Amino acid sequence: MGQLARGEIVVERLTGTRVIVIRAAPTVEDATTVRFPDGRMEDRFEFELARLQSFFDLMRDLATASLEWPAYAVEYGPRPARSLL
């Protein structure tokens, strides 16, 4: 994931809560101090945190999904109408 920087906003993977990095750990094995929206400060390991997706990442995911969708539509396709009688 790379080194986190002080002041960076990241997401806690377990809860999806956005937190701000208060003290970045010098190594991956050390804990990083983060502050939650309610004001409490806790230590988290780097694998417990994830960077926020950028606008470019979101647009890429949307484009990929829109390109894959027609394949699913053809696979399942429209069904023939059944008579109610």
C-alpha atoms as a PDB file:
ATOM      1  CA  MET A   1       0.000   0.000   0.000  1.00  0.00           C
ATOM      2  CA  GLY A   2       2.921   2.324   0.529  1.00  0.00           C
ATOM      3  CA  GLN A   3       3.776   4.660   3.358  1.00  0.00           C
ATOM      4  CA  LEU A   4       0.917   6.620   4.893  1.00  0.00           C
ATOM      5  CA  ALA A   5       1.423  10.334   5.514  1.00  0.00           C
ATOM      6  CA  ARG A   6       0.282  12.445   8.455  1.00  0.00           C
ATOM      7  CA  GLY A   7      -3.029  14.144   7.669  1.00  0.00           C
ATOM      8  CA  GLU A   8      -4.033  11.598   5.037  1.00  0.00           C
ATOM      9  CA  ILE A   9      -7.637  10.412   5.147  1.00  0.00           C
ATOM     10  CA  VAL A  10      -7.970   6.642   4.855  1.00  0.00           C
ATOM     11  CA  VAL A  11     -10.678   4.025   5.414  1.00  0.00           C
ATOM     12  CA  GLU A  12     -10.647   1.447   8.183  1.00  0.00           C
ATOM     13  CA  ARG A  13     -11.228  -1.831   6.323  1.00  0.00           C
ATOM     14  CA  LEU A  14     -13.250  -3.537   9.047  1.00  0.00           C
ATOM     15  CA  THR A  15     -15.930  -0.870   9.491  1.00  0.00           C
ATOM     16  CA  GLY A  16     -15.535   1.326   6.400  1.00  0.00           C
ATOM     17  CA  THR A  17     -15.122   4.375   8.645  1.00  0.00           C
ATOM     18  CA  ARG A  18     -13.013   7.246   7.351  1.00  0.00           C
ATOM     19  CA  VAL A  19     -10.174   8.152   9.695  1.00  0.00           C
ATOM     20  CA  ILE A  20      -7.314  10.648   9.597  1.00  0.00           C
ATOM     21  CA  VAL A  21      -3.699   9.610  10.147  1.00  0.00           C
ATOM     22  CA  ILE A  22      -2.217  11.379  13.184  1.00  0.00           C
ATOM     23  CA  ARG A  23       1.125   9.564  13.424  1.00  0.00           C
ATOM     24  CA  ALA A  24       2.402   7.452  10.563  1.00  0.00           C
ATOM     25  CA  ALA A  25       4.348   4.328  11.509  1.00  0.00           C
ATOM     26  CA  PRO A  26       7.999   4.300  10.419  1.00  0.00           C
ATOM     27  CA  THR A  27       7.750   0.609   9.448  1.00  0.00           C
ATOM     28  CA  VAL A  28       4.915  -1.685   8.397  1.00  0.00           C
ATOM     29  CA  GLU A  29       5.222  -3.700  11.625  1.00  0.00           C
ATOM     30  CA  ASP A  30       4.527  -0.628  13.804  1.00  0.00           C
ATOM     31  CA  ALA A  31       1.052   0.707  14.513  1.00  0.00           C
ATOM     32  CA  THR A  32      -0.250   3.928  12.968  1.00  0.00           C
ATOM     33  CA  THR A  33      -2.204   6.325  15.182  1.00  0.00           C
ATOM     34  CA  VAL A  34      -5.506   7.416  13.639  1.00  0.00           C
ATOM     35  CA  ARG A  35      -8.358   9.660  14.792  1.00  0.00           C
ATOM     36  CA  PHE A  36     -11.979   8.681  14.271  1.00  0.00           C
ATOM     37  CA  PRO A  37     -14.831  11.136  13.537  1.00  0.00           C
ATOM     38  CA  ASP A  38     -16.026  10.915  17.146  1.00  0.00           C
ATOM     39  CA  GLY A  39     -12.623  12.175  18.361  1.00  0.00           C
ATOM     40  CA  ARG A  40     -11.131   8.991  19.785  1.00  0.00           C
ATOM     41  CA  MET A  41      -7.591   8.095  18.803  1.00  0.00           C
ATOM     42  CA  GLU A  42      -6.495   4.498  18.331  1.00  0.00           C
ATOM     43  CA  ASP A  43      -3.563   2.568  16.895  1.00  0.00           C
ATOM     44  CA  ARG A  44      -4.110   0.543  13.734  1.00  0.00           C
ATOM     45  CA  PHE A  45      -1.747  -1.574  11.675  1.00  0.00           C
ATOM     46  CA  GLU A  46      -1.315  -0.580   8.058  1.00  0.00           C
ATOM     47  CA  PHE A  47      -3.107  -3.693   6.742  1.00  0.00           C
ATOM     48  CA  GLU A  48      -6.229  -2.538   8.632  1.00  0.00           C
ATOM     49  CA  LEU A  49      -6.363   0.690   6.602  1.00  0.00           C
ATOM     50  CA  ALA A  50      -7.031   1.359   2.917  1.00  0.00           C
ATOM     51  CA  ARG A  51      -6.616   4.502   0.842  1.00  0.00           C
ATOM     52  CA  LEU A  52      -9.733   6.161  -0.544  1.00  0.00           C
ATOM     53  CA  GLN A  53     -10.474   5.569  -4.204  1.00  0.00           C
ATOM     54  CA  SER A  54      -9.788   8.528  -6.447  1.00  0.00           C
ATOM     55  CA  PHE A  55     -12.272   9.901  -8.952  1.00  0.00           C
ATOM     56  CA  PHE A  56     -10.270   8.208 -11.727  1.00  0.00           C
ATOM     57  CA  ASP A  57     -10.582   4.819  -9.988  1.00  0.00           C
ATOM     58  CA  LEU A  58     -14.356   5.222  -9.689  1.00  0.00           C
ATOM     59  CA  MET A  59     -14.720   6.200 -13.362  1.00  0.00           C
ATOM     60  CA  ARG A  60     -12.570   3.229 -14.432  1.00  0.00           C
ATOM     61  CA  ASP A  61     -14.750   0.848 -12.394  1.00  0.00           C
ATOM     62  CA  LEU A  62     -17.942   2.303 -13.899  1.00  0.00           C
ATOM     63  CA  ALA A  63     -16.555   2.010 -17.430  1.00  0.00           C
ATOM     64  CA  THR A  64     -15.494  -1.583 -16.834  1.00  0.00           C
ATOM     65  CA  ALA A  65     -18.916  -2.481 -15.445  1.00  0.00           C
ATOM     66  CA  SER A  66     -20.729  -0.824 -18.358  1.00  0.00           C
ATOM     67  CA  LEU A  67     -18.573  -2.713 -20.865  1.00  0.00           C
ATOM     68  CA  GLU A  68     -19.192  -6.038 -19.145  1.00  0.00           C
ATOM     69  CA  TRP A  69     -22.954  -5.540 -18.719  1.00  0.00           C
ATOM     70  CA  PRO A  70     -23.978  -6.304 -22.359  1.00  0.00           C
ATOM     71  CA  ALA A  71     -22.287  -9.694 -22.112  1.00  0.00           C
ATOM     72  CA  TYR A  72     -24.476 -10.566 -19.131  1.00  0.00           C
ATOM     73  CA  ALA A  73     -27.582  -9.256 -20.908  1.00  0.00           C
ATOM     74  CA  VAL A  74     -26.927 -11.456 -23.951  1.00  0.00           C
ATOM     75  CA  GLU A  75     -26.182 -14.464 -21.784  1.00  0.00           C
ATOM     76  CA  TYR A  76     -29.517 -14.264 -19.989  1.00  0.00           C
ATOM     77  CA  GLY A  77     -31.374 -12.504 -22.804  1.00  0.00           C
ATOM     78  CA  PRO A  78     -35.040 -11.680 -23.101  1.00  0.00           C
ATOM     79  CA  ARG A  79     -37.409 -14.540 -22.428  1.00  0.00           C
ATOM     80  CA  PRO A  80     -40.281 -15.382 -24.767  1.00  0.00           C
ATOM     81  CA  ALA A  81     -43.682 -14.249 -23.572  1.00  0.00           C
ATOM     82  CA  ARG A  82     -45.942 -16.953 -22.197  1.00  0.00           C
ATOM     83  CA  SER A  83     -49.646 -17.133 -22.787  1.00  0.00           C
ATOM     84  CA  LEU A  84     -51.840 -16.566 -19.762  1.00  0.00           C
ATOM     85  CA  LEU A  85     -54.447 -18.980 -21.079  1.00  0.00           C
END
